[in-house]
Amino acid sequence: MTAQVQTQSAYDVIVVGSGAGAMTSAVFLADQGFSVLIVEKSDKYGGTSAISGGGIWIPNNHYFTRKGGNDSVEQALTYLKAAAGDHVDEARLRAYLDNAPKMIETLTRTSRVRYAVAEKYPDYYPHLPGALPGGRTLDPELFDTSLLGEELDNLRKPSPSTLLMGRIAWTARHAHKAMARGFGWQLLILRLMLRYKLDFKWRRKSKYDRRAALGSSLVASLRRSLMDRNVPLWLNTDFSGLVSEQGRVTGVTVVRGGREMTLKARHGVILGSGGFEQNQALREQYLPQPTRMAWSATPPGNNTGAALQAGLAQGAATALMDWAWWAPTIAVPGEEKPRGIFAERAFPGAIVVNGLGRRFINEAAPYLEFVDAMYRDNETTAGKSVPAWVIFDGHFRHNYAMGPLMPAQVMPDSRLRKEWRDSLYWKADTLGELAQMIGVDAAGLENTVAKVNDYARTGIDPDFGRGGNVFDRYYGDSNVKPNPCLAPLRKGPYYAMRMDAGDIGTKGGLLTNADAQVVREDGQPIAGLYAIGNCSASVMGTSYPGAGGTLGPAMTFAYVAANHLASQRQEPA
């Protein structure tokens, strides 16, 4: 089950990477009788999946159906075609929509993975035909990490921002109820804290919750499922290239323990090792400028594009190379990576402005669209939108979180780290003083705040429509009227935090067909080579249809790849 006890050098299938897609493929392969090896360059397994929300976007899933939900492949296809526009490949989309519900139903039945439907989490483009107000996003259930034994130490730790008080596991459903201040939210938090505090036996072992949630739960449950199947996972094993014979991929080269090894893959290789967001040279080659790998919310040192480069060396085609899974990020001093800002932008009483002090997008918009707007505005303002600035007042500071700043009612300014002042956040008594501190046009900022304050009174944002749809309102404060996403900024002191044009992974990569096979420019598959997750070009095109739009396809095409390999097994190599 562990790297230390596995020594053979030939397997039926070798999987590169240990995120959700990679491990899901290994589960399905093992269940079809393949011998499988997973190789992971890091000293931890789980990749970006382990620090993610763990949600999966699965139209027509059985969890939703059991609750009386009404969805269909055709309805989802209508939605995806409208969202993806010209970048849609209908054959791949149909493969995804046909197999996604089968994947999660089979995984639920045969493995330790458990999900629940997030009934209130809407699709990201509610105005498009085929969108649903909830039911397509699935949220991982809590998982008991004691079941991992010694392998718990090798699990990549979740981001602090995904844990209640930095220690306590809670699901996305829990977090939404608390952040939106839904009925009973205080009691919910009390129950979670008591569950954590009363687990005395585990407290003697760890300050962290025995239970895992979100991406940590997904990865932990997959790892335990692989342990059940005796599938080896080699850590500290750096993938360095593909081996091919007569036009067919037959293995990989890796560096392990300081020496290069060649590992044979009798039936095929599945690349599931993430994108290239942690490779500055590739970012500058492909992504919009300016771009910095330090802005990415993914683990440093991973996702450096090794799979992309290995595929290119085999003649693979690529697509969407100028896109990422954009998300604005805030850098926190002392943390290894910045934090993605997903929900907080929708809270009432905060606005985001460029260097001219002007808003450029609905702050509550999906995170991919948000950063895309940053770049578009940056072009028209001669570089004034990267970075952008989130501005809020004392009332917001008291009641809501923004990145690592917990509400002042539980974390007053006096308890904040001293080094955060004028690096993580800036604070001033007036908007004019604040603008001067951060280099933003003061008149522009004051004018914008005056307009937004008027909008808050009416509940209507005529500039960008903030709070005007079900997605915006999902993270709004249900107690704020008439618009849960709009409140005035009128009570000093005023605060500012820098937002960078970050990401949670790149979107472009190796082009694949409906069977998850990597293809050449002429559309012909490279025999024995598959790609899933962020090292492949997204099936979603330039869209982000809903929460879990990354992991859902990664795990679905893991299932597709495993089934295709099984279907080809009887054919001569």
Protein backbone atom coordinates (compact mmCIF):
# COMPACT_ATOMS: atom_id res chain seq x y z
CA MET A 1 0.00 0.00 0.00
CA THR A 2 2.89 2.37 0.54
CA ALA A 3 5.92 3.46 -1.39
CA GLN A 4 8.24 1.68 0.98
CA VAL A 5 7.00 -1.83 0.22
CA GLN A 6 6.63 -1.65 -3.56
CA THR A 7 9.61 -2.49 -5.76
CA GLN A 8 8.38 -3.88 -9.09
CA SER A 9 9.01 -1.88 -12.25
CA ALA A 10 6.21 -3.10 -14.56
CA TYR A 11 2.48 -2.53 -14.20
CA ASP A 12 -0.57 -2.71 -16.41
CA VAL A 13 -1.24 1.02 -16.03
CA ILE A 14 0.80 3.83 -14.49
CA VAL A 15 -1.01 6.93 -13.22
CA VAL A 16 0.97 10.16 -12.90
CA GLY A 17 -0.26 12.40 -10.08
CA SER A 18 -2.30 11.77 -6.93
CA GLY A 19 -5.19 14.22 -7.08
CA ALA A 20 -8.85 13.25 -7.22
CA GLY A 21 -8.85 12.38 -10.92
CA ALA A 22 -5.69 10.30 -10.71
CA MET A 23 -6.82 8.32 -7.68
CA THR A 24 -10.32 7.82 -9.08
CA SER A 25 -8.85 6.29 -12.23
CA ALA A 26 -6.75 3.93 -10.10
CA VAL A 27 -9.82 2.78 -8.15
CA PHE A 28 -11.74 1.95 -11.32
CA LEU A 29 -8.71 0.30 -12.95
CA ALA A 30 -8.07 -1.89 -9.92
CA ASP A 31 -11.72 -2.95 -9.89
CA GLN A 32 -11.32 -4.14 -13.48
CA GLY A 33 -8.32 -6.29 -12.66
CA PHE A 34 -5.47 -4.01 -13.72
CA SER A 35 -2.27 -3.75 -11.72
CA VAL A 36 -1.81 0.00 -11.12
CA LEU A 37 0.95 2.24 -9.82
CA ILE A 38 0.46 5.89 -8.85
CA VAL A 39 3.55 8.11 -8.92
CA GLU A 40 3.57 11.47 -7.13
CA LYS A 41 6.47 13.97 -7.18
CA SER A 42 5.59 15.54 -3.82
CA ASP A 43 6.09 14.09 -0.33
CA LYS A 44 2.29 14.39 0.11
CA TYR A 45 -0.58 12.92 -1.87
CA GLY A 46 -3.74 14.71 -2.91
CA GLY A 47 -2.38 17.52 -5.08
CA THR A 48 -4.57 20.56 -5.57
CA SER A 49 -7.67 18.44 -4.92
CA ALA A 50 -6.71 18.09 -1.24
CA ILE A 51 -6.82 21.84 -0.64
CA SER A 52 -9.95 22.42 -2.74
CA GLY A 53 -13.61 22.50 -1.82
CA GLY A 54 -13.89 18.91 -3.09
CA GLY A 55 -17.20 19.63 -4.82
CA ILE A 56 -18.07 17.94 -8.11
CA TRP A 57 -20.49 19.25 -10.71
CA ILE A 58 -22.47 16.24 -11.87
CA PRO A 59 -25.66 16.89 -13.84
CA ASN A 60 -28.43 14.31 -13.50
CA ASN A 61 -26.75 12.70 -10.48
CA HIS A 62 -28.46 10.01 -8.42
CA TYR A 63 -28.26 11.99 -5.17
CA PHE A 64 -30.39 14.76 -6.66
CA THR A 65 -32.76 12.27 -8.29
CA ARG A 66 -33.37 10.56 -4.93
CA LYS A 67 -34.43 13.91 -3.48
CA GLY A 68 -36.95 14.40 -6.25
CA GLY A 69 -34.71 16.60 -8.39
CA ASN A 70 -35.53 17.10 -12.05
CA ASP A 71 -32.55 17.13 -14.42
CA SER A 72 -31.56 15.50 -17.70
CA VAL A 73 -28.63 15.09 -20.06
CA GLU A 74 -30.33 17.24 -22.68
CA GLN A 75 -31.05 20.06 -20.24
CA ALA A 76 -27.44 20.05 -19.05
CA LEU A 77 -26.17 19.92 -22.63
CA THR A 78 -28.28 22.96 -23.51
CA TYR A 79 -26.75 24.79 -20.56
CA LEU A 80 -23.15 23.79 -21.33
CA LYS A 81 -23.42 24.68 -25.01
CA ALA A 82 -24.75 28.11 -24.06
CA ALA A 83 -21.96 28.59 -21.48
CA ALA A 84 -19.02 27.27 -23.49
CA GLY A 85 -19.96 28.94 -26.79
CA ASP A 86 -17.52 28.46 -29.64
CA HIS A 87 -15.12 26.41 -27.55
CA VAL A 88 -17.49 23.49 -27.13
CA ASP A 89 -16.69 19.97 -28.41
CA GLU A 90 -20.07 18.29 -28.37
CA ALA A 91 -18.65 14.74 -28.50
CA ARG A 92 -16.58 15.35 -25.35
CA LEU A 93 -19.47 17.16 -23.66
CA ARG A 94 -21.81 14.23 -24.34
CA ALA A 95 -19.19 11.80 -23.06
CA TYR A 96 -18.99 13.82 -19.88
CA LEU A 97 -22.74 14.14 -19.38
CA ASP A 98 -23.38 10.47 -20.19
CA ASN A 99 -20.67 9.18 -17.86
CA ALA A 100 -20.68 11.64 -14.95
CA PRO A 101 -23.77 10.19 -13.21
CA LYS A 102 -22.53 6.64 -13.85
CA MET A 103 -19.15 7.53 -12.37
CA ILE A 104 -20.44 8.91 -9.10
CA GLU A 105 -23.06 6.19 -8.67
CA THR A 106 -20.44 3.48 -9.20
CA LEU A 107 -17.86 5.22 -6.99
CA THR A 108 -20.41 5.63 -4.20
CA ARG A 109 -21.37 1.96 -4.42
CA THR A 110 -17.85 0.47 -4.61
CA SER A 111 -15.59 2.83 -2.66
CA ARG A 112 -15.38 4.88 0.55
CA VAL A 113 -16.32 8.12 -1.26
CA ARG A 114 -19.56 9.72 -0.07
CA TYR A 115 -21.26 12.88 -1.26
CA ALA A 116 -24.41 14.85 -0.51
CA VAL A 117 -26.32 17.08 -2.87
CA ALA A 118 -25.86 20.82 -2.34
CA GLU A 119 -29.48 21.63 -3.09
CA LYS A 120 -29.12 25.39 -2.73
CA TYR A 121 -25.87 25.80 -4.70
CA PRO A 122 -26.91 27.21 -8.08
CA ASP A 123 -25.18 26.87 -11.43
CA TYR A 124 -22.84 29.80 -12.05
CA TYR A 125 -24.78 31.20 -15.03
CA PRO A 126 -28.40 31.13 -13.83
CA HIS A 127 -29.56 33.32 -16.72
CA LEU A 128 -28.61 30.74 -19.36
CA PRO A 129 -31.05 28.13 -20.72
CA GLY A 130 -30.77 24.78 -18.96
CA ALA A 131 -29.34 26.22 -15.72
CA LEU A 132 -30.62 24.92 -12.39
CA PRO A 133 -30.91 26.76 -9.05
CA GLY A 134 -29.29 23.79 -7.29
CA GLY A 135 -28.76 20.05 -7.32
CA ARG A 136 -25.85 19.58 -9.75
CA THR A 137 -23.09 20.34 -7.27
CA LEU A 138 -22.23 17.57 -4.81
CA ASP A 139 -20.45 18.27 -1.52
CA PRO A 140 -18.24 15.62 0.18
CA GLU A 141 -19.48 14.15 3.43
CA LEU A 142 -17.15 14.15 6.44
CA PHE A 143 -14.58 11.32 6.50
CA ASP A 144 -12.93 9.75 9.54
CA THR A 145 -9.19 10.14 8.87
CA SER A 146 -8.25 7.63 11.57
CA LEU A 147 -9.08 5.01 8.91
CA LEU A 148 -5.92 6.05 7.05
CA GLY A 149 -3.56 4.88 9.78
CA GLU A 150 0.03 5.86 8.99
CA GLU A 151 -1.01 7.23 5.61
CA LEU A 152 -2.68 10.18 7.34
CA ASP A 153 0.75 11.76 7.80
CA ASN A 154 1.22 11.75 4.01
CA LEU A 155 -2.09 13.49 3.23
CA ARG A 156 -1.66 17.07 2.02
CA LYS A 157 -3.07 19.34 4.71
CA PRO A 158 -6.14 21.41 3.85
CA SER A 159 -5.83 25.16 3.50
CA PRO A 160 -6.51 27.00 6.79
CA SER A 161 -9.29 28.90 5.05
CA THR A 162 -11.28 25.67 4.57
CA LEU A 163 -11.41 24.85 8.29
CA LEU A 164 -13.56 26.45 10.97
CA MET A 165 -11.16 28.32 13.26
CA GLY A 166 -8.33 26.78 11.25
CA ARG A 167 -8.86 23.35 12.84
CA ILE A 168 -12.44 22.08 12.63
CA ALA A 169 -13.83 20.30 9.58
CA TRP A 170 -17.08 21.54 8.12
CA THR A 171 -18.83 20.84 4.85
CA ALA A 172 -19.61 23.43 2.21
CA ARG A 173 -23.24 23.18 3.34
CA HIS A 174 -22.20 24.06 6.90
CA ALA A 175 -20.02 26.94 5.73
CA HIS A 176 -22.76 28.38 3.54
CA LYS A 177 -25.29 28.34 6.37
CA ALA A 178 -22.85 30.15 8.65
CA MET A 179 -21.67 32.72 6.10
CA ALA A 180 -25.18 33.50 4.86
CA ARG A 181 -26.35 33.64 8.49
CA GLY A 182 -29.16 31.21 7.81
CA PHE A 183 -31.55 30.11 10.54
CA GLY A 184 -29.69 28.29 13.34
CA TRP A 185 -26.19 29.16 12.12
CA GLN A 186 -24.88 29.96 15.61
CA LEU A 187 -26.16 26.64 16.97
CA LEU A 188 -24.52 24.85 14.05
CA ILE A 189 -21.11 26.36 14.86
CA LEU A 190 -21.55 25.47 18.54
CA ARG A 191 -22.32 21.85 17.64
CA LEU A 192 -19.24 21.59 15.39
CA MET A 193 -17.02 23.07 18.10
CA LEU A 194 -18.40 20.72 20.74
CA ARG A 195 -17.92 17.67 18.49
CA TYR A 196 -14.30 18.71 18.03
CA LYS A 197 -13.67 19.53 21.72
CA LEU A 198 -15.24 16.34 23.05
CA ASP A 199 -13.13 14.04 20.88
CA PHE A 200 -10.61 13.74 23.72
CA LYS A 201 -8.87 10.64 22.40
CA TRP A 202 -8.05 12.32 19.08
CA ARG A 203 -7.16 15.66 20.74
CA ARG A 204 -4.24 13.87 22.44
CA LYS A 205 -2.90 13.00 18.96
CA SER A 206 -3.60 16.11 16.91
CA LYS A 207 -4.84 19.68 17.14
CA TYR A 208 -6.73 19.08 13.89
CA ASP A 209 -10.17 17.50 13.61
CA ARG A 210 -10.35 13.72 13.29
CA ARG A 211 -12.78 14.30 10.45
CA ALA A 212 -11.89 15.62 7.06
CA ALA A 213 -14.20 17.72 4.90
CA LEU A 214 -14.23 19.23 1.44
CA GLY A 215 -11.26 18.24 -0.77
CA SER A 216 -9.46 16.67 2.15
CA SER A 217 -12.40 14.30 2.69
CA LEU A 218 -12.51 13.36 -0.99
CA VAL A 219 -8.79 12.62 -1.18
CA ALA A 220 -8.72 10.76 2.13
CA SER A 221 -11.67 8.56 1.14
CA LEU A 222 -10.04 7.80 -2.22
CA ARG A 223 -6.72 6.94 -0.55
CA ARG A 224 -8.47 4.58 1.85
CA SER A 225 -10.26 3.00 -1.12
CA LEU A 226 -6.89 2.43 -2.81
CA MET A 227 -5.50 0.92 0.39
CA ASP A 228 -8.48 -1.48 0.38
CA ARG A 229 -7.33 -2.55 -3.10
CA ASN A 230 -3.59 -2.67 -2.28
CA VAL A 231 -2.81 -0.08 -4.97
CA PRO A 232 0.71 1.34 -4.44
CA LEU A 233 1.30 5.09 -4.35
CA TRP A 234 4.93 6.19 -4.64
CA LEU A 235 5.66 9.59 -3.12
CA ASN A 236 8.80 11.62 -3.87
CA THR A 237 8.77 10.17 -7.37
CA ASP A 238 9.26 12.85 -9.99
CA PHE A 239 7.81 12.10 -13.42
CA SER A 240 10.37 13.09 -16.07
CA GLY A 241 9.05 11.73 -19.38
CA LEU A 242 7.14 9.17 -21.42
CA VAL A 243 8.57 6.07 -23.06
CA SER A 244 7.19 5.06 -26.43
CA GLU A 245 7.75 2.18 -28.84
CA GLN A 246 6.52 2.21 -32.44
CA GLY A 247 4.22 5.14 -31.79
CA ARG A 248 2.68 3.73 -28.62
CA VAL A 249 3.32 4.97 -25.09
CA THR A 250 4.66 2.02 -23.10
CA GLY A 251 5.94 3.54 -19.87
CA VAL A 252 7.39 6.47 -17.97
CA THR A 253 10.71 7.66 -16.67
CA VAL A 254 10.84 8.93 -13.10
CA VAL A 255 13.46 10.17 -10.67
CA ARG A 256 13.23 8.45 -7.31
CA GLY A 257 15.76 8.46 -4.53
CA GLY A 258 18.11 10.49 -6.69
CA ARG A 259 18.22 8.02 -9.58
CA GLU A 260 16.29 7.77 -12.82
CA MET A 261 14.09 4.73 -13.34
CA THR A 262 12.12 3.43 -16.29
CA LEU A 263 8.76 1.95 -15.41
CA LYS A 264 6.85 -0.18 -17.92
CA ALA A 265 3.12 0.30 -18.47
CA ARG A 266 1.78 -2.72 -20.35
CA HIS A 267 -1.58 -1.16 -21.27
CA GLY A 268 -1.20 2.58 -20.90
CA VAL A 269 -0.28 5.72 -18.97
CA ILE A 270 -2.80 8.16 -17.48
CA LEU A 271 -1.53 11.70 -16.92
CA GLY A 272 -3.34 13.34 -14.03
CA SER A 273 -0.66 15.58 -12.60
CA GLY A 274 -2.23 19.04 -12.81
CA GLY A 275 -1.56 22.09 -14.95
CA PHE A 276 1.39 24.42 -15.38
CA GLU A 277 0.48 27.30 -13.07
CA GLN A 278 3.61 26.82 -10.95
CA ASN A 279 5.94 27.24 -13.94
CA GLN A 280 6.68 30.94 -14.46
CA ALA A 281 8.22 30.45 -17.91
CA LEU A 282 5.12 28.61 -19.19
CA ARG A 283 2.83 31.22 -17.62
CA GLU A 284 4.66 33.96 -19.48
CA GLN A 285 4.55 31.93 -22.68
CA TYR A 286 0.82 31.23 -22.63
CA LEU A 287 -1.20 33.28 -20.10
CA PRO A 288 -2.34 36.92 -20.18
CA GLN A 289 0.12 39.42 -18.72
CA PRO A 290 1.03 40.28 -16.07
CA THR A 291 1.11 36.84 -14.51
CA ARG A 292 2.89 35.42 -11.49
CA MET A 293 2.98 31.89 -10.17
CA ALA A 294 3.10 33.48 -6.70
CA TRP A 295 -0.53 34.57 -7.28
CA SER A 296 -1.76 30.99 -7.71
CA ALA A 297 -3.65 29.37 -4.84
CA THR A 298 -2.17 25.94 -5.67
CA PRO A 299 0.69 24.26 -3.75
CA PRO A 300 4.11 25.69 -4.73
CA GLY A 301 6.53 23.27 -6.37
CA ASN A 302 3.76 21.18 -7.89
CA ASN A 303 1.86 21.53 -11.17
CA THR A 304 4.91 22.64 -13.12
CA GLY A 305 3.73 21.39 -16.51
CA ALA A 306 5.73 18.15 -16.72
CA ALA A 307 2.77 16.24 -18.20
CA LEU A 308 2.16 18.99 -20.75
CA GLN A 309 5.78 18.97 -21.88
CA ALA A 310 5.91 15.17 -22.04
CA GLY A 311 2.75 15.10 -24.15
CA LEU A 312 4.09 17.77 -26.50
CA ALA A 313 7.22 15.68 -26.98
CA GLN A 314 4.92 12.88 -28.22
CA GLY A 315 3.27 15.19 -30.76
CA ALA A 316 0.15 16.01 -28.73
CA ALA A 317 -2.21 18.83 -29.63
CA THR A 318 -3.21 21.43 -27.05
CA ALA A 319 -6.10 23.82 -26.48
CA LEU A 320 -7.17 26.70 -24.20
CA MET A 321 -3.56 27.45 -23.28
CA ASP A 322 -4.31 31.12 -22.55
CA TRP A 323 -6.91 30.27 -19.91
CA ALA A 324 -6.82 29.30 -16.27
CA TRP A 325 -9.39 28.46 -13.62
CA TRP A 326 -9.14 32.07 -12.54
CA ALA A 327 -9.79 33.15 -8.97
CA PRO A 328 -8.77 36.39 -7.25
CA THR A 329 -6.27 35.75 -4.47
CA ILE A 330 -4.96 37.54 -1.41
CA ALA A 331 -1.40 36.88 -0.26
CA VAL A 332 -1.12 36.26 3.49
CA PRO A 333 2.31 36.90 5.06
CA GLY A 334 3.83 33.67 6.33
CA GLU A 335 1.57 31.31 4.35
CA GLU A 336 3.05 29.21 1.54
CA LYS A 337 0.38 30.19 -0.96
CA PRO A 338 -2.25 32.93 -1.30
CA ARG A 339 -5.90 32.36 -0.49
CA GLY A 340 -8.61 32.31 -3.13
CA ILE A 341 -11.42 34.78 -2.45
CA PHE A 342 -14.63 33.02 -3.45
CA ALA A 343 -17.56 33.83 -1.17
CA GLU A 344 -16.51 37.04 0.59
CA ARG A 345 -16.86 39.19 -2.53
CA ALA A 346 -20.64 38.73 -2.35
CA PHE A 347 -21.00 39.91 1.25
CA PRO A 348 -22.80 43.26 1.50
CA GLY A 349 -20.66 46.29 2.28
CA ALA A 350 -17.51 45.47 0.32
CA ILE A 351 -16.62 46.67 -3.18
CA VAL A 352 -13.71 45.98 -5.53
CA VAL A 353 -12.07 48.82 -7.45
CA ASN A 354 -9.20 49.38 -9.86
CA GLY A 355 -6.43 51.97 -9.50
CA LEU A 356 -8.83 54.67 -10.74
CA GLY A 357 -11.13 53.92 -7.81
CA ARG A 358 -13.79 52.47 -10.12
CA ARG A 359 -15.66 49.19 -10.04
CA PHE A 360 -15.24 47.02 -13.14
CA ILE A 361 -17.45 43.98 -12.46
CA ASN A 362 -20.19 42.63 -10.24
CA GLU A 363 -18.17 41.69 -7.13
CA ALA A 364 -20.32 38.58 -6.58
CA ALA A 365 -19.64 37.20 -10.07
CA PRO A 366 -18.16 33.70 -10.48
CA TYR A 367 -14.44 33.76 -9.78
CA LEU A 368 -13.38 32.81 -13.31
CA GLU A 369 -15.33 35.75 -14.74
CA PHE A 370 -13.99 38.01 -12.03
CA VAL A 371 -10.33 37.61 -12.96
CA ASP A 372 -11.13 37.61 -16.67
CA ALA A 373 -12.73 41.03 -16.07
CA MET A 374 -9.62 42.15 -14.19
CA TYR A 375 -7.51 41.42 -17.25
CA ARG A 376 -9.96 43.02 -19.69
CA ASP A 377 -10.18 46.16 -17.56
CA ASN A 378 -6.41 46.16 -17.17
CA GLU A 379 -6.08 46.49 -20.96
CA THR A 380 -8.44 49.44 -21.21
CA THR A 381 -7.03 51.29 -18.17
CA ALA A 382 -3.33 50.96 -19.02
CA GLY A 383 -2.59 48.50 -16.25
CA LYS A 384 -4.83 49.80 -13.45
CA SER A 385 -6.71 46.58 -12.56
CA VAL A 386 -3.98 44.07 -11.77
CA PRO A 387 -3.91 44.24 -8.82
CA ALA A 388 -7.40 45.33 -7.77
CA TRP A 389 -8.46 46.42 -4.28
CA VAL A 390 -11.31 45.27 -2.08
CA ILE A 391 -12.61 48.13 0.07
CA PHE A 392 -14.88 47.84 3.12
CA ASP A 393 -15.82 49.79 6.23
CA GLY A 394 -15.93 49.20 9.97
CA HIS A 395 -19.44 47.74 9.87
CA PHE A 396 -18.36 45.10 7.34
CA ARG A 397 -15.19 44.43 9.32
CA HIS A 398 -17.28 43.80 12.47
CA ASN A 399 -19.72 41.39 10.84
CA TYR A 400 -18.00 39.55 7.98
CA ALA A 401 -14.80 37.75 7.06
CA MET A 402 -12.45 38.78 4.26
CA GLY A 403 -9.71 36.25 3.57
CA PRO A 404 -7.86 35.59 6.85
CA LEU A 405 -9.56 38.51 8.60
CA MET A 406 -12.30 36.93 10.69
CA PRO A 407 -15.15 39.24 11.76
CA ALA A 408 -13.96 41.79 14.31
CA GLN A 409 -16.63 40.60 16.75
CA VAL A 410 -14.48 37.42 17.13
CA MET A 411 -11.10 38.79 15.93
CA PRO A 412 -10.78 42.52 16.66
CA ASP A 413 -7.99 44.54 15.09
CA SER A 414 -6.08 44.44 18.37
CA ARG A 415 -5.70 40.67 17.98
CA LEU A 416 -4.51 40.74 14.37
CA ARG A 417 -0.87 40.04 13.68
CA LYS A 418 1.17 43.24 13.72
CA GLU A 419 2.98 42.35 10.49
CA TRP A 420 -0.35 42.21 8.64
CA ARG A 421 -0.85 45.98 8.96
CA ASP A 422 0.12 47.73 5.70
CA SER A 423 0.95 44.40 4.05
CA LEU A 424 -2.19 42.27 4.23
CA TYR A 425 -4.59 45.09 5.01
CA TRP A 426 -4.52 48.87 5.06
CA LYS A 427 -6.63 50.97 7.43
CA ALA A 428 -7.52 54.66 7.55
CA ASP A 429 -10.16 56.92 9.07
CA THR A 430 -11.24 58.33 5.70
CA LEU A 431 -11.57 57.04 2.16
CA GLY A 432 -9.19 59.74 0.95
CA GLU A 433 -6.45 58.68 3.37
CA LEU A 434 -6.98 55.03 2.45
CA ALA A 435 -6.76 55.79 -1.27
CA GLN A 436 -3.47 57.61 -0.78
CA MET A 437 -2.02 54.66 1.18
CA ILE A 438 -2.75 52.13 -1.58
CA GLY A 439 -2.15 54.34 -4.60
CA VAL A 440 -5.77 54.55 -5.77
CA ASP A 441 -7.37 57.72 -7.14
CA ALA A 442 -9.12 59.28 -4.13
CA ALA A 443 -11.81 61.20 -6.03
CA GLY A 444 -12.65 58.09 -8.06
CA LEU A 445 -12.98 55.98 -4.92
CA GLU A 446 -15.13 58.51 -3.07
CA ASN A 447 -17.42 58.86 -6.08
CA THR A 448 -17.76 55.08 -6.42
CA VAL A 449 -18.61 54.65 -2.74
CA ALA A 450 -21.24 57.40 -2.95
CA LYS A 451 -22.88 55.63 -5.93
CA VAL A 452 -22.82 52.22 -4.26
CA ASN A 453 -24.34 53.68 -1.10
CA ASP A 454 -27.24 54.94 -3.22
CA TYR A 455 -27.57 51.51 -4.85
CA ALA A 456 -27.70 49.87 -1.43
CA ARG A 457 -30.72 52.00 -0.45
CA THR A 458 -32.65 50.99 -3.56
CA GLY A 459 -31.33 47.43 -3.74
CA ILE A 460 -30.53 47.84 -7.44
CA ASP A 461 -27.02 48.01 -8.95
CA PRO A 462 -27.56 49.57 -12.40
CA ASP A 463 -23.85 49.29 -13.27
CA PHE A 464 -23.29 45.55 -12.82
CA GLY A 465 -26.47 44.01 -11.43
CA ARG A 466 -24.93 42.78 -8.17
CA GLY A 467 -27.36 40.64 -6.19
CA GLY A 468 -29.69 40.36 -9.15
CA ASN A 469 -29.59 36.58 -9.56
CA VAL A 470 -29.74 33.43 -7.46
CA PHE A 471 -25.99 32.78 -7.71
CA ASP A 472 -25.06 36.21 -6.34
CA ARG A 473 -27.51 35.82 -3.47
CA TYR A 474 -26.20 32.38 -2.48
CA TYR A 475 -23.40 34.03 -0.48
CA GLY A 476 -25.29 37.21 0.38
CA ASP A 477 -26.52 38.01 3.89
CA SER A 478 -30.17 36.97 4.00
CA ASN A 479 -30.77 39.47 6.81
CA VAL A 480 -29.85 42.48 4.64
CA LYS A 481 -32.71 44.13 2.75
CA PRO A 482 -33.64 44.87 0.02
CA ASN A 483 -30.56 43.29 -1.58
CA PRO A 484 -28.53 40.71 0.41
CA CYS A 485 -25.37 41.61 -1.54
CA LEU A 486 -25.53 45.40 -1.18
CA ALA A 487 -24.91 47.56 1.87
CA PRO A 488 -23.49 51.06 2.23
CA LEU A 489 -19.89 51.84 3.20
CA ARG A 490 -20.40 54.64 5.70
CA LYS A 491 -18.74 53.79 9.00
CA GLY A 492 -15.01 54.32 9.43
CA PRO A 493 -12.39 53.15 9.78
CA TYR A 494 -12.07 52.01 6.17
CA TYR A 495 -10.04 49.00 5.06
CA ALA A 496 -8.36 47.86 1.85
CA MET A 497 -6.87 44.52 0.79
CA ARG A 498 -4.98 43.75 -2.39
CA MET A 499 -6.46 41.23 -4.84
CA ASP A 500 -4.21 39.59 -7.41
CA ALA A 501 -5.15 37.92 -10.69
CA GLY A 502 -4.80 34.43 -9.24
CA ASP A 503 -6.00 30.96 -10.15
CA ILE A 504 -6.73 27.50 -8.80
CA GLY A 505 -5.00 25.83 -11.76
CA THR A 506 -4.57 26.28 -15.49
CA LYS A 507 -7.42 25.42 -17.86
CA GLY A 508 -5.52 24.58 -21.01
CA GLY A 509 -3.47 21.51 -21.70
CA LEU A 510 -3.25 18.35 -23.77
CA LEU A 511 -6.19 17.87 -26.10
CA THR A 512 -8.16 14.67 -25.57
CA ASN A 513 -11.02 12.90 -27.29
CA ALA A 514 -14.26 11.51 -25.86
CA ASP A 515 -12.33 8.46 -24.53
CA ALA A 516 -9.83 10.67 -22.63
CA GLN A 517 -7.09 9.69 -25.10
CA VAL A 518 -4.50 12.36 -25.90
CA VAL A 519 -4.72 13.26 -29.60
CA ARG A 520 -2.39 14.73 -32.20
CA GLU A 521 -3.16 17.80 -34.30
CA ASP A 522 -4.89 15.57 -36.86
CA GLY A 523 -7.23 14.23 -34.18
CA GLN A 524 -5.68 10.76 -34.10
CA PRO A 525 -5.09 9.34 -30.62
CA ILE A 526 -1.60 8.67 -29.27
CA ALA A 527 -1.88 4.97 -28.42
CA GLY A 528 -1.51 4.18 -24.74
CA LEU A 529 -1.70 7.81 -23.53
CA TYR A 530 -4.58 9.36 -21.57
CA ALA A 531 -4.92 12.72 -19.81
CA ILE A 532 -7.42 13.86 -17.19
CA GLY A 533 -7.87 16.90 -14.96
CA ASN A 534 -5.91 20.11 -15.41
CA CYS A 535 -3.13 18.64 -17.54
CA SER A 536 -5.81 18.20 -20.23
CA ALA A 537 -7.74 20.97 -22.00
CA SER A 538 -11.00 21.53 -20.16
CA VAL A 539 -14.13 20.01 -21.64
CA MET A 540 -15.92 23.15 -20.38
CA GLY A 541 -14.13 25.46 -22.82
CA THR A 542 -13.76 28.96 -21.37
CA SER A 543 -16.73 28.52 -19.02
CA TYR A 544 -17.07 27.47 -15.38
CA PRO A 545 -20.57 26.00 -15.23
CA GLY A 546 -20.82 25.42 -11.51
CA ALA A 547 -19.02 24.56 -8.29
CA GLY A 548 -17.06 21.38 -8.94
CA GLY A 549 -16.58 22.15 -12.63
CA THR A 550 -12.92 21.10 -12.34
CA LEU A 551 -13.09 17.94 -10.23
CA GLY A 552 -16.32 16.64 -11.77
CA PRO A 553 -14.80 16.25 -15.26
CA ALA A 554 -11.47 15.04 -13.83
CA MET A 555 -13.15 12.17 -12.01
CA THR A 556 -15.57 11.46 -14.85
CA PHE A 557 -12.85 11.16 -17.48
CA ALA A 558 -10.87 9.04 -15.00
CA TYR A 559 -13.81 6.63 -15.17
CA VAL A 560 -13.94 6.95 -18.97
CA ALA A 561 -10.20 6.28 -19.33
CA ALA A 562 -10.38 3.20 -17.11
CA ASN A 563 -13.31 1.81 -19.08
CA HIS A 564 -11.59 2.49 -22.41
CA LEU A 565 -8.43 0.74 -21.24
CA ALA A 566 -10.54 -2.23 -20.16
CA SER A 567 -12.29 -2.34 -23.54
CA GLN A 568 -8.90 -2.44 -25.33
CA ARG A 569 -7.37 -5.07 -23.06
CA GLN A 570 -7.92 -8.01 -25.36
CA GLU A 571 -6.35 -6.33 -28.34
CA PRO A 572 -2.68 -7.11 -29.07
CA ALA A 573 -0.20 -4.51 -27.90
